[in-house]
Amino acid sequence: AGALFAIEVLVLGRLLQEMLFPALVSAIIGFQTAKFLGVTYFHQTINLPHQFSQTMFIEVIFSGIFFGLVALLLIESLHLAEKISAKIKIWEPFKGLIGGGLLVILTLIFSTRYLGLGIETAEAAVYGEAIPANAFLLKILFTTITLGFGGSGGVLSPAFFIGATSGNAFAGLFNLNSEVFSAIGMTAVVAAATNTPVASCVLAIELFGPQIGPYAALACVVSYIALGHRSIYPSQLIGATKSSSISMPLMKDICSIQKEVEIKKRPGKIAFSLNQFLKFLKNKFRKNDDQLNQ
């Protein structure tokens, strides 16, 4: 899964196969080195009925849409935090003090559960333990404040936390198996947020066993499509669109494309485009009138 993630995350819609061998060697060496040093990783086999269930199939589809929306909320929250931080024109270390102060207040109100990587909480969700329904929302809030105000850290591990806890909340809302949907959510949110559905499907099988494979694959693909062309990695290139009906420039990073879209959405641009459209209609009617007169 690590090797596939490395070749899939760089360019949306493209698997860089020429990098598969070095990525695979790196993943194996990294795993074996960690194992030699006594580092273990989370693994929990999820038992599912072998017989195909239409009800389960429909539930997983709707969960995939939900996980795509959760990933969208995470990405847009990070984007909003960056905008707010950019508007605060003060010395950068003071921004860190503001963000740190907010985190201290939130920690006193809620819990220390949402600080750090939060892998323990993600594991607890997959084990079927009771997790607060708003845990994934709070983790999004803590993560956006940390990264938006100059904090150092990655966003992949928080995505695992958010995926597992949102799956736990989804299962609790509809009275479903919390272990299954926490496991599915853990990989589906990552698939959507990073645009790596193939690696996430393999990751689900590696972490939770082969029985969950078809359901996790379905949720990963649905969430990946539902998110649209966004990513927690703004430098990710778009190598192919997710639908043939969508047209956008290829081999450009997501950040620059979003900036172009935001510029086009400005009122001045809209008014200018409207004037152009009205002129086009006026010229069109004139040509039609001339043809009728002739």
Foldseek 3Di string as FASTA:
>chain_A
DQLQCVQDLQAFPDRPVVSSVVSVVVVVVVVVVCVVVPHDDAAAADDDDPDDDPVLLVLLLVLLLVLLVLLLVLQVLLVVLQVVLVPPPDDLVVLVVVLVVVVVVVCVVPHCCLPDLNVVQLSCQLVVHDDPLCQLVVNSVNVSSQVSSDHDDDCLSNQLNNQLSNQQNSCVVVVHRRNLSSLLRSLQNSCQQSVRLPVSLVVSCVRHNDVSNVSSSSSNLSSNVSNFPHHSDQQRFHQDGPDPVDDDDGRGGNNVRVVVVVVCPDPVNVVVVVVVVVVVVVVVVVVVVVVVVD
